[in-house]
Amino acid sequence: MNKIIIIAVIILITAVAVFAQRTQKDFKNKIDSYIDYSVPIITVDELKDQTKNYLLLDIRERKEYDISHLCDAVHIGYKDPDFSSLKGIDKSQPIVVYCSIGYRSEKIGERLLENGFTNVRNLYGSIFEWVNQDQPIYDSNQQVTDKIHTYNRKWSKWMINEEYQKVY
């Protein structure tokens, strides 16, 4: 009986691992189908211990930002971006743009590059990948939160970290 339980647990763990790998590969494929790499990327691993070295720009809409964002990120928006916070910023300032998966942030990153900013990076997988890799996010009161705005129900499937509550 104990052998059966042990085998069942091993099979379950293996199935979960295979599912997680498949989901991560599917997410990477989804990202790659949306972005053109017209803005250089930065990965979560490259950014996570370096956030203080970058101006972080959240390209999502205000309601998304208010639910959760990266620490000290400045809200810019996408549909009607507010670039006023960039007035007077040195054009060589290291900047990281992010959104949900990287599409909207790439488009705003392109605009920044076109306007003379020379050190712009797009966070690969954006806030979804940030959270999927267990990095902290903050609410509108700058408190760590377990809620993440997933844009809508369809896109929420790419936010696979079950420690977080999906909001859309």
Protein backbone atom coordinates (compact mmCIF):
# COMPACT_ATOMS: atom_id res chain seq x y z
CA MET A 1 0.00 0.00 0.00
CA ASN A 2 2.79 2.46 0.88
CA LYS A 3 4.50 1.73 -2.44
CA ILE A 4 1.30 2.62 -4.30
CA ILE A 5 1.02 5.92 -2.45
CA ILE A 6 4.67 6.74 -3.12
CA ILE A 7 4.27 5.93 -6.82
CA ALA A 8 1.09 8.02 -6.99
CA VAL A 9 2.84 10.97 -5.37
CA ILE A 10 5.79 10.66 -7.78
CA ILE A 11 3.42 10.55 -10.76
CA LEU A 12 1.52 13.60 -9.45
CA ILE A 13 4.73 15.59 -8.88
CA THR A 14 5.98 14.66 -12.35
CA ALA A 15 2.67 15.67 -13.93
CA VAL A 16 2.72 19.02 -12.15
CA ALA A 17 6.32 19.65 -13.25
CA VAL A 18 5.53 18.76 -16.87
CA PHE A 19 2.46 21.01 -16.81
CA ALA A 20 4.49 23.91 -15.37
CA GLN A 21 7.17 23.51 -18.04
CA ARG A 22 4.57 23.34 -20.80
CA THR A 23 2.79 26.41 -19.43
CA GLN A 24 6.08 28.35 -19.23
CA LYS A 25 6.92 27.37 -22.81
CA ASP A 26 3.41 28.34 -23.96
CA PHE A 27 3.77 31.70 -22.19
CA LYS A 28 7.14 32.31 -23.86
CA ASN A 29 5.57 31.45 -27.23
CA LYS A 30 2.70 33.87 -26.52
CA ILE A 31 5.12 36.67 -25.63
CA ASP A 32 7.23 35.99 -28.70
CA SER A 33 4.13 36.12 -30.91
CA TYR A 34 3.31 39.63 -29.63
CA ILE A 35 6.63 41.43 -29.39
CA ASP A 36 9.00 42.34 -32.20
CA TYR A 37 12.13 42.87 -30.06
CA SER A 38 12.24 46.43 -31.39
CA VAL A 39 13.16 47.51 -27.85
CA PRO A 40 15.98 45.62 -26.14
CA ILE A 41 14.69 43.31 -23.43
CA ILE A 42 15.73 42.79 -19.85
CA THR A 43 14.77 39.63 -17.99
CA VAL A 44 13.37 39.35 -14.49
CA ASP A 45 16.63 37.72 -13.37
CA GLU A 46 18.63 40.65 -14.76
CA LEU A 47 16.34 43.27 -13.19
CA LYS A 48 15.25 41.86 -9.83
CA ASP A 49 18.30 42.97 -7.83
CA GLN A 50 18.89 46.10 -9.93
CA THR A 51 15.55 47.94 -9.83
CA LYS A 52 17.06 50.95 -8.05
CA ASN A 53 19.36 51.46 -11.08
CA TYR A 54 16.40 51.98 -13.43
CA LEU A 55 13.47 54.30 -13.85
CA LEU A 56 10.58 51.82 -13.96
CA LEU A 57 7.66 52.86 -16.16
CA ASP A 58 4.34 51.05 -15.85
CA ILE A 59 2.59 51.24 -19.21
CA ARG A 60 -0.67 49.64 -18.10
CA GLU A 61 -3.82 51.64 -17.47
CA ARG A 62 -4.38 53.35 -14.11
CA LYS A 63 -6.77 50.69 -12.73
CA GLU A 64 -4.16 47.99 -13.45
CA TYR A 65 -1.39 50.05 -11.84
CA ASP A 66 -3.47 50.83 -8.74
CA ILE A 67 -4.07 47.13 -8.05
CA SER A 68 -0.39 46.21 -8.34
CA HIS A 69 2.88 47.44 -9.78
CA LEU A 70 6.62 47.09 -9.32
CA CYS A 71 8.12 49.02 -6.41
CA ASP A 72 8.65 52.71 -7.20
CA ALA A 73 7.28 52.34 -10.74
CA VAL A 74 5.92 55.47 -12.37
CA HIS A 75 2.55 55.16 -14.08
CA ILE A 76 2.60 56.29 -17.73
CA GLY A 77 -0.36 54.48 -19.28
CA TYR A 78 -0.87 53.24 -22.81
CA LYS A 79 -4.02 54.62 -24.46
CA ASP A 80 -3.23 58.19 -23.47
CA PRO A 81 0.31 58.03 -22.06
CA ASP A 82 1.41 60.76 -19.67
CA PHE A 83 5.06 61.51 -20.39
CA SER A 84 5.16 64.57 -18.11
CA SER A 85 7.16 62.67 -15.45
CA LEU A 86 9.96 62.32 -18.02
CA LYS A 87 10.46 66.06 -18.49
CA GLY A 88 13.99 66.95 -17.47
CA ILE A 89 15.13 63.32 -17.33
CA ASP A 90 18.56 62.71 -18.85
CA LYS A 91 17.97 60.91 -22.18
CA SER A 92 20.63 58.33 -21.19
CA GLN A 93 18.79 57.46 -17.94
CA PRO A 94 18.35 53.66 -17.75
CA ILE A 95 14.62 52.98 -18.18
CA VAL A 96 12.63 49.75 -17.96
CA VAL A 97 9.11 49.70 -19.38
CA TYR A 98 6.61 46.98 -18.55
CA CYS A 99 2.94 46.10 -18.93
CA SER A 100 1.20 42.71 -18.61
CA ILE A 101 3.31 40.61 -21.00
CA GLY A 102 5.40 43.16 -22.93
CA TYR A 103 3.39 44.24 -25.99
CA ARG A 104 2.12 47.62 -24.78
CA SER A 105 5.42 48.41 -23.09
CA GLU A 106 7.30 47.65 -26.31
CA LYS A 107 5.14 50.17 -28.19
CA ILE A 108 5.77 52.89 -25.60
CA GLY A 109 9.46 51.91 -25.48
CA GLU A 110 9.61 52.48 -29.25
CA ARG A 111 8.20 55.98 -28.73
CA LEU A 112 10.78 56.70 -26.04
CA LEU A 113 13.59 55.57 -28.35
CA GLU A 114 12.16 57.70 -31.18
CA ASN A 115 12.21 60.67 -28.81
CA GLY A 116 15.90 60.32 -28.04
CA PHE A 117 15.98 58.11 -24.96
CA THR A 118 18.96 55.83 -25.47
CA ASN A 119 18.83 53.31 -22.63
CA VAL A 120 15.33 51.79 -22.73
CA ARG A 121 14.62 48.13 -21.95
CA ASN A 122 11.37 46.16 -22.15
CA LEU A 123 10.82 43.75 -19.24
CA TYR A 124 10.44 40.35 -20.91
CA GLY A 125 7.12 38.84 -19.82
CA SER A 126 6.48 42.07 -17.91
CA ILE A 127 4.57 42.01 -14.62
CA PHE A 128 3.18 38.50 -15.27
CA GLU A 129 6.68 37.05 -15.49
CA TRP A 130 7.78 39.20 -12.53
CA VAL A 131 5.06 37.63 -10.37
CA ASN A 132 5.47 34.17 -11.89
CA GLN A 133 9.06 34.33 -10.63
CA ASP A 134 7.90 35.25 -7.10
CA GLN A 135 8.97 38.89 -7.16
CA PRO A 136 7.01 41.36 -4.98
CA ILE A 137 4.42 43.80 -6.26
CA TYR A 138 2.87 46.80 -4.54
CA ASP A 139 -0.57 48.37 -4.29
CA SER A 140 -1.53 52.04 -4.54
CA ASN A 141 -0.47 52.54 -0.89
CA GLN A 142 3.01 51.16 -1.68
CA GLN A 143 2.28 48.06 0.41
CA VAL A 144 3.23 44.57 -0.78
CA THR A 145 0.14 42.92 -2.23
CA ASP A 146 -0.94 39.47 -3.35
CA LYS A 147 -3.34 40.89 -5.95
CA ILE A 148 -2.42 41.30 -9.59
CA HIS A 149 -4.47 42.89 -12.32
CA THR A 150 -4.45 40.38 -15.18
CA TYR A 151 -6.03 42.68 -17.80
CA ASN A 152 -8.97 40.33 -18.37
CA ARG A 153 -10.09 36.74 -17.78
CA LYS A 154 -8.52 35.50 -21.05
CA TRP A 155 -5.07 36.89 -20.23
CA SER A 156 -5.23 35.76 -16.60
CA LYS A 157 -4.22 32.23 -17.61
CA TRP A 158 -0.65 33.47 -18.16
CA MET A 159 -0.37 34.50 -14.52
CA ILE A 160 0.41 31.06 -13.11
CA ASN A 161 1.69 31.90 -9.62
CA GLU A 162 -1.13 30.59 -7.45
CA GLU A 163 0.04 32.69 -4.49
CA TYR A 164 -1.60 35.71 -6.12
CA GLN A 165 -5.24 36.69 -6.48
CA LYS A 166 -6.17 37.58 -10.05
CA VAL A 167 -8.14 40.78 -10.54
CA TYR A 168 -9.60 41.93 -13.89
